[in-house]
Amino acid sequence: MDAAINKSKKFHKCDNQINSEVILNLFPITFYNPAMEILYSELNVRIYDNGGENKKNFLVKYQELIKLNQNGDKQITNHYIKLINLTYERLQDFNLKKTPLINGNICKVFN
C-alpha cells in the first residue's frame, strides 16, 4: 500500500513535517483467488479532522481479474493505485468543511 500511495499523486503518507486538510487512516484487506484469478480488496477509510476526531468512515471495494505472476508486487501496487483512485473519487462525495490545516505532529498517533 505504501508504494501505491507514493506513486499515486492523490495522497501522501502521513508525515510530521507536512500539514494537511484531513488525515485518512487506511485499513486494506486483500484476497487473491488463484483458481478464479480474482484479486479483491476492501479499504476501510477513516477520516480525521484537525482535532483528531474521527469524522467519517467508509468502505471502498475493488476487484479485478488478474493472473499474478513473478512480478506480483508490481501488479498488486497497480491494483492498490486503482483502489486509491476510487477512494479519492469517493472522498469527493463528502462535503468536508475546509478547516485549518492539521499539524503533521498528529501523525505520531497513527504510526
PDB file of N, CA and C in Angstrom:
ATOM      1  N   MET A   1       0.829  -1.180   0.000  1.00  0.00           N
ATOM      2  CA  MET A   1       0.000   0.000   0.000  1.00  0.00           C
ATOM      3  C   MET A   1       0.882   1.257   0.000  1.00  0.00           C
ATOM      4  N   ASP A   2       1.991   1.216   0.729  1.00  0.00           N
ATOM      5  CA  ASP A   2       2.874   2.388   0.774  1.00  0.00           C
ATOM      6  C   ASP A   2       3.407   2.751  -0.611  1.00  0.00           C
ATOM      7  N   ALA A   3       3.792   1.748  -1.386  1.00  0.00           N
ATOM      8  CA  ALA A   3       4.306   2.006  -2.734  1.00  0.00           C
ATOM      9  C   ALA A   3       3.225   2.639  -3.603  1.00  0.00           C
ATOM     10  N   ALA A   4       1.991   2.187  -3.455  1.00  0.00           N
ATOM     11  CA  ALA A   4       0.884   2.748  -4.241  1.00  0.00           C
ATOM     12  C   ALA A   4       0.612   4.201  -3.834  1.00  0.00           C
ATOM     13  N   ILE A   5       0.659   4.475  -2.541  1.00  0.00           N
ATOM     14  CA  ILE A   5       0.435   5.856  -2.067  1.00  0.00           C
ATOM     15  C   ILE A   5       1.529   6.763  -2.614  1.00  0.00           C
ATOM     16  N   ASN A   6       2.774   6.294  -2.615  1.00  0.00           N
ATOM     17  CA  ASN A   6       3.882   7.105  -3.126  1.00  0.00           C
ATOM     18  C   ASN A   6       3.763   7.356  -4.625  1.00  0.00           C
ATOM     19  N   LYS A   7       3.263   6.372  -5.385  1.00  0.00           N
ATOM     20  CA  LYS A   7       3.126   6.535  -6.835  1.00  0.00           C
ATOM     21  C   LYS A   7       1.904   7.358  -7.211  1.00  0.00           C
ATOM     22  N   SER A   8       0.851   7.222  -6.446  1.00  0.00           N
ATOM     23  CA  SER A   8      -0.380   7.958  -6.734  1.00  0.00           C
ATOM     24  C   SER A   8      -0.177   9.396  -6.280  1.00  0.00           C
ATOM     25  N   LYS A   9      -0.526  10.339  -7.019  1.00  0.00           N
ATOM     26  CA  LYS A   9      -0.328  11.744  -6.630  1.00  0.00           C
ATOM     27  C   LYS A   9      -1.527  12.291  -5.860  1.00  0.00           C
ATOM     28  N   LYS A  10      -2.459  11.426  -5.487  1.00  0.00           N
ATOM     29  CA  LYS A  10      -3.684  11.864  -4.812  1.00  0.00           C
ATOM     30  C   LYS A  10      -3.464  12.105  -3.315  1.00  0.00           C
ATOM     31  N   PHE A  11      -2.652  11.271  -2.683  1.00  0.00           N
ATOM     32  CA  PHE A  11      -2.417  11.345  -1.243  1.00  0.00           C
ATOM     33  C   PHE A  11      -0.921  11.261  -0.976  1.00  0.00           C
ATOM     34  N   HIS A  12      -0.535  11.575   0.242  1.00  0.00           N
ATOM     35  CA  HIS A  12       0.829  11.318   0.662  1.00  0.00           C
ATOM     36  C   HIS A  12       0.804  10.696   2.044  1.00  0.00           C
ATOM     37  N   LYS A  13       1.836   9.983   2.347  1.00  0.00           N
ATOM     38  CA  LYS A  13       1.913   9.310   3.643  1.00  0.00           C
ATOM     39  C   LYS A  13       2.013  10.356   4.745  1.00  0.00           C
ATOM     40  N   CYS A  14       1.362  10.073   5.864  1.00  0.00           N
ATOM     41  CA  CYS A  14       1.340  10.993   6.995  1.00  0.00           C
ATOM     42  C   CYS A  14       2.768  11.279   7.451  1.00  0.00           C
ATOM     43  N   ASP A  15       3.080  12.560   7.595  1.00  0.00           N
ATOM     44  CA  ASP A  15       4.433  12.985   7.947  1.00  0.00           C
ATOM     45  C   ASP A  15       4.329  14.179   8.881  1.00  0.00           C
ATOM     46  N   ASN A  16       5.108  14.174   9.941  1.00  0.00           N
ATOM     47  CA  ASN A  16       5.011  15.280  10.895  1.00  0.00           C
ATOM     48  C   ASN A  16       5.551  16.596  10.343  1.00  0.00           C
ATOM     49  N   GLN A  17       6.140  16.567   9.163  1.00  0.00           N
ATOM     50  CA  GLN A  17       6.643  17.791   8.526  1.00  0.00           C
ATOM     51  C   GLN A  17       5.624  18.424   7.572  1.00  0.00           C
ATOM     52  N   ILE A  18       4.500  17.733   7.336  1.00  0.00           N
ATOM     53  CA  ILE A  18       3.519  18.186   6.351  1.00  0.00           C
ATOM     54  C   ILE A  18       2.190  18.468   7.038  1.00  0.00           C
ATOM     55  N   ASN A  19       1.624  19.647   6.790  1.00  0.00           N
ATOM     56  CA  ASN A  19       0.282  19.967   7.285  1.00  0.00           C
ATOM     57  C   ASN A  19      -0.738  19.561   6.232  1.00  0.00           C
ATOM     58  N   SER A  20      -1.899  19.095   6.678  1.00  0.00           N
ATOM     59  CA  SER A  20      -2.908  18.561   5.762  1.00  0.00           C
ATOM     60  C   SER A  20      -4.296  19.073   6.110  1.00  0.00           C
ATOM     61  N   GLU A  21      -5.222  18.983   5.144  1.00  0.00           N
ATOM     62  CA  GLU A  21      -6.621  19.347   5.395  1.00  0.00           C
ATOM     63  C   GLU A  21      -7.331  18.260   6.188  1.00  0.00           C
ATOM     64  N   VAL A  22      -7.076  17.008   5.857  1.00  0.00           N
ATOM     65  CA  VAL A  22      -7.636  15.862   6.574  1.00  0.00           C
ATOM     66  C   VAL A  22      -6.562  14.787   6.666  1.00  0.00           C
ATOM     67  N   ILE A  23      -6.776  13.881   7.596  1.00  0.00           N
ATOM     68  CA  ILE A  23      -5.907  12.711   7.693  1.00  0.00           C
ATOM     69  C   ILE A  23      -6.790  11.486   7.490  1.00  0.00           C
ATOM     70  N   LEU A  24      -6.336  10.613   6.602  1.00  0.00           N
ATOM     71  CA  LEU A  24      -7.048   9.370   6.334  1.00  0.00           C
ATOM     72  C   LEU A  24      -6.260   8.230   6.967  1.00  0.00           C
ATOM     73  N   ASN A  25      -6.950   7.383   7.683  1.00  0.00           N
ATOM     74  CA  ASN A  25      -6.348   6.174   8.212  1.00  0.00           C
ATOM     75  C   ASN A  25      -6.902   5.027   7.371  1.00  0.00           C
ATOM     76  N   LEU A  26      -6.017   4.312   6.673  1.00  0.00           N
ATOM     77  CA  LEU A  26      -6.422   3.297   5.711  1.00  0.00           C
ATOM     78  C   LEU A  26      -6.134   1.896   6.246  1.00  0.00           C
ATOM     79  N   PHE A  27      -7.135   1.021   6.120  1.00  0.00           N
ATOM     80  CA  PHE A  27      -7.002  -0.368   6.552  1.00  0.00           C
ATOM     81  C   PHE A  27      -7.351  -1.284   5.378  1.00  0.00           C
ATOM     82  N   PRO A  28      -6.348  -1.701   4.579  1.00  0.00           N
ATOM     83  CA  PRO A  28      -6.632  -2.570   3.431  1.00  0.00           C
ATOM     84  C   PRO A  28      -6.728  -4.043   3.810  1.00  0.00           C
ATOM     85  N   ILE A  29      -7.637  -4.728   3.144  1.00  0.00           N
ATOM     86  CA  ILE A  29      -7.733  -6.180   3.221  1.00  0.00           C
ATOM     87  C   ILE A  29      -7.752  -6.670   1.780  1.00  0.00           C
ATOM     88  N   THR A  30      -6.850  -7.566   1.449  1.00  0.00           N
ATOM     89  CA  THR A  30      -6.739  -8.049   0.078  1.00  0.00           C
ATOM     90  C   THR A  30      -6.737  -9.572   0.058  1.00  0.00           C
ATOM     91  N   PHE A  31      -7.418 -10.112  -0.939  1.00  0.00           N
ATOM     92  CA  PHE A  31      -7.535 -11.556  -1.093  1.00  0.00           C
ATOM     93  C   PHE A  31      -7.331 -11.903  -2.565  1.00  0.00           C
ATOM     94  N   TYR A  32      -6.555 -12.939  -2.812  1.00  0.00           N
ATOM     95  CA  TYR A  32      -6.359 -13.420  -4.183  1.00  0.00           C
ATOM     96  C   TYR A  32      -6.810 -14.869  -4.272  1.00  0.00           C
ATOM     97  N   ASN A  33      -7.675 -15.142  -5.247  1.00  0.00           N
ATOM     98  CA  ASN A  33      -8.136 -16.495  -5.513  1.00  0.00           C
ATOM     99  C   ASN A  33      -7.433 -16.968  -6.785  1.00  0.00           C
ATOM    100  N   PRO A  34      -6.404 -17.812  -6.659  1.00  0.00           N
ATOM    101  CA  PRO A  34      -5.647 -18.231  -7.842  1.00  0.00           C
ATOM    102  C   PRO A  34      -6.458 -19.091  -8.811  1.00  0.00           C
ATOM    103  N   ALA A  35      -7.420 -19.836  -8.311  1.00  0.00           N
ATOM    104  CA  ALA A  35      -8.222 -20.684  -9.202  1.00  0.00           C
ATOM    105  C   ALA A  35      -9.093 -19.837 -10.125  1.00  0.00           C
ATOM    106  N   MET A  36      -9.656 -18.759  -9.580  1.00  0.00           N
ATOM    107  CA  MET A  36     -10.524 -17.897 -10.379  1.00  0.00           C
ATOM    108  C   MET A  36      -9.780 -16.667 -10.905  1.00  0.00           C
ATOM    109  N   GLU A  37      -8.521 -16.497 -10.484  1.00  0.00           N
ATOM    110  CA  GLU A  37      -7.688 -15.361 -10.887  1.00  0.00           C
ATOM    111  C   GLU A  37      -8.370 -14.035 -10.576  1.00  0.00           C
ATOM    112  N   ILE A  38      -8.878 -13.913  -9.355  1.00  0.00           N
ATOM    113  CA  ILE A  38      -9.533 -12.687  -8.900  1.00  0.00           C
ATOM    114  C   ILE A  38      -8.725 -12.095  -7.759  1.00  0.00           C
ATOM    115  N   LEU A  39      -8.379 -10.816  -7.900  1.00  0.00           N
ATOM    116  CA  LEU A  39      -7.735 -10.062  -6.837  1.00  0.00           C
ATOM    117  C   LEU A  39      -8.780  -9.094  -6.296  1.00  0.00           C
ATOM    118  N   TYR A  40      -9.105  -9.225  -5.019  1.00  0.00           N
ATOM    119  CA  TYR A  40     -10.187  -8.465  -4.396  1.00  0.00           C
ATOM    120  C   TYR A  40      -9.630  -7.687  -3.212  1.00  0.00           C
ATOM    121  N   SER A  41     -10.023  -6.425  -3.106  1.00  0.00           N
ATOM    122  CA  SER A  41      -9.587  -5.606  -1.977  1.00  0.00           C
ATOM    123  C   SER A  41     -10.738  -4.802  -1.405  1.00  0.00           C
ATOM    124  N   GLU A  42     -10.679  -4.635  -0.103  1.00  0.00           N
ATOM    125  CA  GLU A  42     -11.553  -3.708   0.608  1.00  0.00           C
ATOM    126  C   GLU A  42     -10.646  -2.750   1.356  1.00  0.00           C
ATOM    127  N   LEU A  43     -10.995  -1.482   1.310  1.00  0.00           N
ATOM    128  CA  LEU A  43     -10.224  -0.464   2.010  1.00  0.00           C
ATOM    129  C   LEU A  43     -11.154   0.270   2.962  1.00  0.00           C
ATOM    130  N   ASN A  44     -10.930   0.052   4.253  1.00  0.00           N
ATOM    131  CA  ASN A  44     -11.693   0.758   5.275  1.00  0.00           C
ATOM    132  C   ASN A  44     -10.994   2.093   5.496  1.00  0.00           C
ATOM    133  N   VAL A  45     -11.718   3.195   5.278  1.00  0.00           N
ATOM    134  CA  VAL A  45     -11.144   4.536   5.358  1.00  0.00           C
ATOM    135  C   VAL A  45     -11.774   5.278   6.525  1.00  0.00           C
ATOM    136  N   ARG A  46     -10.923   5.844   7.363  1.00  0.00           N
ATOM    137  CA  ARG A  46     -11.381   6.684   8.470  1.00  0.00           C
ATOM    138  C   ARG A  46     -10.825   8.090   8.251  1.00  0.00           C
ATOM    139  N   ILE A  47     -11.708   9.082   8.336  1.00  0.00           N
ATOM    140  CA  ILE A  47     -11.326  10.472   8.104  1.00  0.00           C
ATOM    141  C   ILE A  47     -11.245  11.193   9.446  1.00  0.00           C
ATOM    142  N   TYR A  48     -10.114  11.831   9.689  1.00  0.00           N
ATOM    143  CA  TYR A  48      -9.903  12.594  10.918  1.00  0.00           C
ATOM    144  C   TYR A  48      -9.718  14.068  10.591  1.00  0.00           C
ATOM    145  N   ASP A  49     -10.225  14.935  11.490  1.00  0.00           N
ATOM    146  CA  ASP A  49     -10.080  16.377  11.297  1.00  0.00           C
ATOM    147  C   ASP A  49      -8.932  16.907  12.148  1.00  0.00           C
ATOM    148  N   ASN A  50      -8.811  18.252  12.189  1.00  0.00           N
ATOM    149  CA  ASN A  50      -7.680  18.841  12.890  1.00  0.00           C
ATOM    150  C   ASN A  50      -7.737  18.668  14.404  1.00  0.00           C
ATOM    151  N   GLY A  51      -8.860  18.265  14.947  1.00  0.00           N
ATOM    152  CA  GLY A  51      -8.948  17.982  16.376  1.00  0.00           C
ATOM    153  C   GLY A  51      -8.643  16.533  16.694  1.00  0.00           C
ATOM    154  N   GLY A  52      -8.319  15.751  15.681  1.00  0.00           N
ATOM    155  CA  GLY A  52      -8.054  14.334  15.876  1.00  0.00           C
ATOM    156  C   GLY A  52      -9.328  13.517  16.010  1.00  0.00           C
ATOM    157  N   GLU A  53     -10.467  14.150  15.693  1.00  0.00           N
ATOM    158  CA  GLU A  53     -11.761  13.475  15.819  1.00  0.00           C
ATOM    159  C   GLU A  53     -12.087  12.714  14.541  1.00  0.00           C
ATOM    160  N   ASN A  54     -12.574  11.493  14.712  1.00  0.00           N
ATOM    161  CA  ASN A  54     -12.986  10.678  13.575  1.00  0.00           C
ATOM    162  C   ASN A  54     -14.300  11.234  13.026  1.00  0.00           C
ATOM    163  N   LYS A  55     -14.251  11.807  11.829  1.00  0.00           N
ATOM    164  CA  LYS A  55     -15.422  12.454  11.235  1.00  0.00           C
ATOM    165  C   LYS A  55     -16.307  11.502  10.443  1.00  0.00           C
ATOM    166  N   LYS A  56     -15.694  10.648   9.670  1.00  0.00           N
ATOM    167  CA  LYS A  56     -16.455   9.743   8.811  1.00  0.00           C
ATOM    168  C   LYS A  56     -15.664   8.458   8.607  1.00  0.00           C
ATOM    169  N   ASN A  57     -16.394   7.391   8.316  1.00  0.00           N
ATOM    170  CA  ASN A  57     -15.814   6.105   7.929  1.00  0.00           C
ATOM    171  C   ASN A  57     -16.529   5.640   6.668  1.00  0.00           C
ATOM    172  N   PHE A  58     -15.792   5.028   5.773  1.00  0.00           N
ATOM    173  CA  PHE A  58     -16.434   4.415   4.612  1.00  0.00           C
ATOM    174  C   PHE A  58     -15.571   3.282   4.091  1.00  0.00           C
ATOM    175  N   LEU A  59     -16.176   2.466   3.263  1.00  0.00           N
ATOM    176  CA  LEU A  59     -15.525   1.279   2.722  1.00  0.00           C
ATOM    177  C   LEU A  59     -15.485   1.384   1.203  1.00  0.00           C
ATOM    178  N   VAL A  60     -14.332   1.107   0.627  1.00  0.00           N
ATOM    179  CA  VAL A  60     -14.164   1.085  -0.828  1.00  0.00           C
ATOM    180  C   VAL A  60     -13.780  -0.334  -1.218  1.00  0.00           C
ATOM    181  N   LYS A  61     -14.461  -0.865  -2.226  1.00  0.00           N
ATOM    182  CA  LYS A  61     -14.194  -2.234  -2.688  1.00  0.00           C
ATOM    183  C   LYS A  61     -13.756  -2.184  -4.152  1.00  0.00           C
ATOM    184  N   TYR A  62     -12.814  -3.064  -4.494  1.00  0.00           N
ATOM    185  CA  TYR A  62     -12.356  -3.151  -5.878  1.00  0.00           C
ATOM    186  C   TYR A  62     -11.873  -4.576  -6.145  1.00  0.00           C
ATOM    187  N   GLN A  63     -12.246  -5.106  -7.295  1.00  0.00           N
ATOM    188  CA  GLN A  63     -11.762  -6.422  -7.699  1.00  0.00           C
ATOM    189  C   GLN A  63     -11.449  -6.402  -9.185  1.00  0.00           C
ATOM    190  N   GLU A  64     -10.525  -7.260  -9.556  1.00  0.00           N
ATOM    191  CA  GLU A  64     -10.192  -7.387 -10.972  1.00  0.00           C
ATOM    192  C   GLU A  64      -9.740  -8.811 -11.260  1.00  0.00           C
ATOM    193  N   LEU A  65      -9.945  -9.203 -12.499  1.00  0.00           N
ATOM    194  CA  LEU A  65      -9.456 -10.495 -12.973  1.00  0.00           C
ATOM    195  C   LEU A  65      -8.000 -10.307 -13.366  1.00  0.00           C
ATOM    196  N   ILE A  66      -7.134 -11.035 -12.714  1.00  0.00           N
ATOM    197  CA  ILE A  66      -5.704 -10.871 -12.977  1.00  0.00           C
ATOM    198  C   ILE A  66      -4.982 -12.146 -12.577  1.00  0.00           C
ATOM    199  N   LYS A  67      -4.011 -12.535 -13.368  1.00  0.00           N
ATOM    200  CA  LYS A  67      -3.193 -13.688 -13.013  1.00  0.00           C
ATOM    201  C   LYS A  67      -1.876 -13.149 -12.476  1.00  0.00           C
ATOM    202  N   LEU A  68      -1.675 -13.345 -11.176  1.00  0.00           N
ATOM    203  CA  LEU A  68      -0.432 -12.870 -10.580  1.00  0.00           C
ATOM    204  C   LEU A  68       0.725 -13.727 -11.074  1.00  0.00           C
ATOM    205  N   ASN A  69       1.822 -13.060 -11.403  1.00  0.00           N
ATOM    206  CA  ASN A  69       2.992 -13.777 -11.877  1.00  0.00           C
ATOM    207  C   ASN A  69       4.204 -13.450 -11.000  1.00  0.00           C
ATOM    208  N   GLN A  70       5.392 -13.667 -11.529  1.00  0.00           N
ATOM    209  CA  GLN A  70       6.603 -13.413 -10.760  1.00  0.00           C
ATOM    210  C   GLN A  70       6.727 -11.942 -10.362  1.00  0.00           C
ATOM    211  N   ASN A  71       6.111 -11.074 -11.123  1.00  0.00           N
ATOM    212  CA  ASN A  71       6.162  -9.644 -10.859  1.00  0.00           C
ATOM    213  C   ASN A  71       4.903  -9.219 -10.089  1.00  0.00           C
ATOM    214  N   GLY A  72       4.482 -10.042  -9.174  1.00  0.00           N
ATOM    215  CA  GLY A  72       3.239  -9.808  -8.449  1.00  0.00           C
ATOM    216  C   GLY A  72       3.224  -8.523  -7.638  1.00  0.00           C
ATOM    217  N   ASP A  73       4.377  -8.117  -7.105  1.00  0.00           N
ATOM    218  CA  ASP A  73       4.421  -6.879  -6.319  1.00  0.00           C
ATOM    219  C   ASP A  73       3.972  -5.682  -7.153  1.00  0.00           C
ATOM    220  N   LYS A  74       4.442  -5.617  -8.379  1.00  0.00           N
ATOM    221  CA  LYS A  74       4.067  -4.513  -9.264  1.00  0.00           C
ATOM    222  C   LYS A  74       2.572  -4.567  -9.596  1.00  0.00           C
ATOM    223  N   GLN A  75       2.058  -5.764  -9.830  1.00  0.00           N
ATOM    224  CA  GLN A  75       0.641  -5.927 -10.131  1.00  0.00           C
ATOM    225  C   GLN A  75      -0.230  -5.517  -8.933  1.00  0.00           C
ATOM    226  N   ILE A  76       0.198  -5.896  -7.751  1.00  0.00           N
ATOM    227  CA  ILE A  76      -0.566  -5.539  -6.559  1.00  0.00           C
ATOM    228  C   ILE A  76      -0.489  -4.039  -6.301  1.00  0.00           C
ATOM    229  N   THR A  77       0.675  -3.436  -6.531  1.00  0.00           N
ATOM    230  CA  THR A  77       0.800  -1.979  -6.394  1.00  0.00           C
ATOM    231  C   THR A  77      -0.150  -1.277  -7.348  1.00  0.00           C
ATOM    232  N   ASN A  78      -0.225  -1.724  -8.600  1.00  0.00           N
ATOM    233  CA  ASN A  78      -1.149  -1.130  -9.573  1.00  0.00           C
ATOM    234  C   ASN A  78      -2.601  -1.324  -9.138  1.00  0.00           C
ATOM    235  N   HIS A  79      -2.899  -2.479  -8.560  1.00  0.00           N
ATOM    236  CA  HIS A  79      -4.243  -2.743  -8.033  1.00  0.00           C
ATOM    237  C   HIS A  79      -4.561  -1.735  -6.922  1.00  0.00           C
ATOM    238  N   TYR A  80      -3.597  -1.525  -6.024  1.00  0.00           N
ATOM    239  CA  TYR A  80      -3.801  -0.569  -4.927  1.00  0.00           C
ATOM    240  C   TYR A  80      -3.935   0.864  -5.432  1.00  0.00           C
ATOM    241  N   ILE A  81      -3.225   1.208  -6.498  1.00  0.00           N
ATOM    242  CA  ILE A  81      -3.365   2.561  -7.074  1.00  0.00           C
ATOM    243  C   ILE A  81      -4.793   2.765  -7.556  1.00  0.00           C
ATOM    244  N   LYS A  82      -5.372   1.764  -8.194  1.00  0.00           N
ATOM    245  CA  LYS A  82      -6.774   1.857  -8.632  1.00  0.00           C
ATOM    246  C   LYS A  82      -7.700   1.997  -7.425  1.00  0.00           C
ATOM    247  N   LEU A  83      -7.397   1.289  -6.359  1.00  0.00           N
ATOM    248  CA  LEU A  83      -8.183   1.381  -5.130  1.00  0.00           C
ATOM    249  C   LEU A  83      -8.060   2.784  -4.510  1.00  0.00           C
ATOM    250  N   ILE A  84      -6.872   3.352  -4.539  1.00  0.00           N
ATOM    251  CA  ILE A  84      -6.661   4.708  -4.028  1.00  0.00           C
ATOM    252  C   ILE A  84      -7.416   5.723  -4.877  1.00  0.00           C
ATOM    253  N   ASN A  85      -7.405   5.552  -6.187  1.00  0.00           N
ATOM    254  CA  ASN A  85      -8.152   6.472  -7.066  1.00  0.00           C
ATOM    255  C   ASN A  85      -9.649   6.409  -6.773  1.00  0.00           C
ATOM    256  N   LEU A  86     -10.165   5.203  -6.540  1.00  0.00           N
ATOM    257  CA  LEU A  86     -11.580   5.071  -6.176  1.00  0.00           C
ATOM    258  C   LEU A  86     -11.852   5.748  -4.826  1.00  0.00           C
ATOM    259  N   THR A  87     -10.919   5.629  -3.902  1.00  0.00           N
ATOM    260  CA  THR A  87     -11.052   6.279  -2.597  1.00  0.00           C
ATOM    261  C   THR A  87     -11.100   7.786  -2.763  1.00  0.00           C
ATOM    262  N   TYR A  88     -10.229   8.317  -3.615  1.00  0.00           N
ATOM    263  CA  TYR A  88     -10.203   9.754  -3.863  1.00  0.00           C
ATOM    264  C   TYR A  88     -11.531  10.230  -4.455  1.00  0.00           C
ATOM    265  N   GLU A  89     -12.063   9.481  -5.429  1.00  0.00           N
ATOM    266  CA  GLU A  89     -13.361   9.831  -6.021  1.00  0.00           C
ATOM    267  C   GLU A  89     -14.466   9.803  -4.966  1.00  0.00           C
ATOM    268  N   ARG A  90     -14.446   8.788  -4.139  1.00  0.00           N
ATOM    269  CA  ARG A  90     -15.463   8.659  -3.084  1.00  0.00           C
ATOM    270  C   ARG A  90     -15.350   9.787  -2.065  1.00  0.00           C
ATOM    271  N   LEU A  91     -14.140  10.218  -1.797  1.00  0.00           N
ATOM    272  CA  LEU A  91     -13.899  11.301  -0.844  1.00  0.00           C
ATOM    273  C   LEU A  91     -14.538  12.600  -1.320  1.00  0.00           C
ATOM    274  N   GLN A  92     -14.629  12.771  -2.632  1.00  0.00           N
ATOM    275  CA  GLN A  92     -15.231  13.979  -3.193  1.00  0.00           C
ATOM    276  C   GLN A  92     -16.733  14.046  -2.906  1.00  0.00           C
ATOM    277  N   ASP A  93     -17.353  12.892  -2.637  1.00  0.00           N
ATOM    278  CA  ASP A  93     -18.786  12.858  -2.336  1.00  0.00           C
ATOM    279  C   ASP A  93     -19.115  13.469  -0.979  1.00  0.00           C
ATOM    280  N   PHE A  94     -18.125  13.497  -0.097  1.00  0.00           N
ATOM    281  CA  PHE A  94     -18.351  14.049   1.237  1.00  0.00           C
ATOM    282  C   PHE A  94     -18.124  15.546   1.203  1.00  0.00           C
ATOM    283  N   ASN A  95     -18.972  16.252   1.907  1.00  0.00           N
ATOM    284  CA  ASN A  95     -18.834  17.702   1.981  1.00  0.00           C
ATOM    285  C   ASN A  95     -17.943  18.031   3.175  1.00  0.00           C
ATOM    286  N   LEU A  96     -16.647  17.833   2.977  1.00  0.00           N
ATOM    287  CA  LEU A  96     -15.711  18.095   4.069  1.00  0.00           C
ATOM    288  C   LEU A  96     -15.468  19.591   4.164  1.00  0.00           C
ATOM    289  N   LYS A  97     -15.749  20.137   5.332  1.00  0.00           N
ATOM    290  CA  LYS A  97     -15.548  21.567   5.537  1.00  0.00           C
ATOM    291  C   LYS A  97     -14.061  21.863   5.545  1.00  0.00           C
ATOM    292  N   LYS A  98     -13.715  22.975   4.913  1.00  0.00           N
ATOM    293  CA  LYS A  98     -12.322  23.408   4.938  1.00  0.00           C
ATOM    294  C   LYS A  98     -12.024  23.898   6.352  1.00  0.00           C
ATOM    295  N   THR A  99     -11.142  23.208   7.003  1.00  0.00           N
ATOM    296  CA  THR A  99     -10.766  23.578   8.360  1.00  0.00           C
ATOM    297  C   THR A  99      -9.317  24.026   8.337  1.00  0.00           C
ATOM    298  N   PRO A 100      -8.872  24.625   9.424  1.00  0.00           N
ATOM    299  CA  PRO A 100      -7.436  24.946   9.466  1.00  0.00           C
ATOM    300  C   PRO A 100      -6.614  23.678   9.245  1.00  0.00           C
ATOM    301  N   LEU A 101      -5.458  23.845   8.673  1.00  0.00           N
ATOM    302  CA  LEU A 101      -4.621  22.690   8.370  1.00  0.00           C
ATOM    303  C   LEU A 101      -4.265  21.925   9.646  1.00  0.00           C
ATOM    304  N   ILE A 102      -4.188  20.623   9.488  1.00  0.00           N
ATOM    305  CA  ILE A 102      -3.838  19.748  10.604  1.00  0.00           C
ATOM    306  C   ILE A 102      -2.322  19.705  10.717  1.00  0.00           C
ATOM    307  N   ASN A 103      -1.841  19.971  11.906  1.00  0.00           N
ATOM    308  CA  ASN A 103      -0.412  19.882  12.162  1.00  0.00           C
ATOM    309  C   ASN A 103       0.021  18.437  11.986  1.00  0.00           C
ATOM    310  N   GLY A 104       1.088  18.221  11.270  1.00  0.00           N
ATOM    311  CA  GLY A 104       1.564  16.875  10.987  1.00  0.00           C
ATOM    312  C   GLY A 104       1.977  16.083  12.213  1.00  0.00           C
ATOM    313  N   ASN A 105       2.144  16.743  13.347  1.00  0.00           N
ATOM    314  CA  ASN A 105       2.539  16.020  14.562  1.00  0.00           C
ATOM    315  C   ASN A 105       1.511  14.986  14.985  1.00  0.00           C
ATOM    316  N   ILE A 106       0.254  15.153  14.557  1.00  0.00           N
ATOM    317  CA  ILE A 106      -0.780  14.182  14.904  1.00  0.00           C
ATOM    318  C   ILE A 106      -0.487  12.818  14.261  1.00  0.00           C
ATOM    319  N   CYS A 107       0.373  12.793  13.264  1.00  0.00           N
ATOM    320  CA  CYS A 107       0.719  11.540  12.600  1.00  0.00           C
ATOM    321  C   CYS A 107       1.332  10.536  13.565  1.00  0.00           C
ATOM    322  N   LYS A 108       1.982  11.020  14.609  1.00  0.00           N
ATOM    323  CA  LYS A 108       2.601  10.123  15.598  1.00  0.00           C
ATOM    324  C   LYS A 108       1.544   9.208  16.215  1.00  0.00           C
ATOM    325  N   VAL A 109       0.314   9.681  16.320  1.00  0.00           N
ATOM    326  CA  VAL A 109      -0.766   8.890  16.906  1.00  0.00           C
ATOM    327  C   VAL A 109      -1.082   7.679  16.035  1.00  0.00           C
ATOM    328  N   PHE A 110      -0.949   7.818  14.716  1.00  0.00           N
ATOM    329  CA  PHE A 110      -1.344   6.767  13.778  1.00  0.00           C
ATOM    330  C   PHE A 110      -0.210   5.806  13.452  1.00  0.00           C
ATOM    331  N   ASN A 111       1.006   6.147  13.797  1.00  0.00           N
ATOM    332  CA  ASN A 111       2.154   5.271  13.477  1.00  0.00           C
ATOM    333  C   ASN A 111       2.391   4.246  14.548  1.00  0.00           C
TER     334      ASN A 111
END
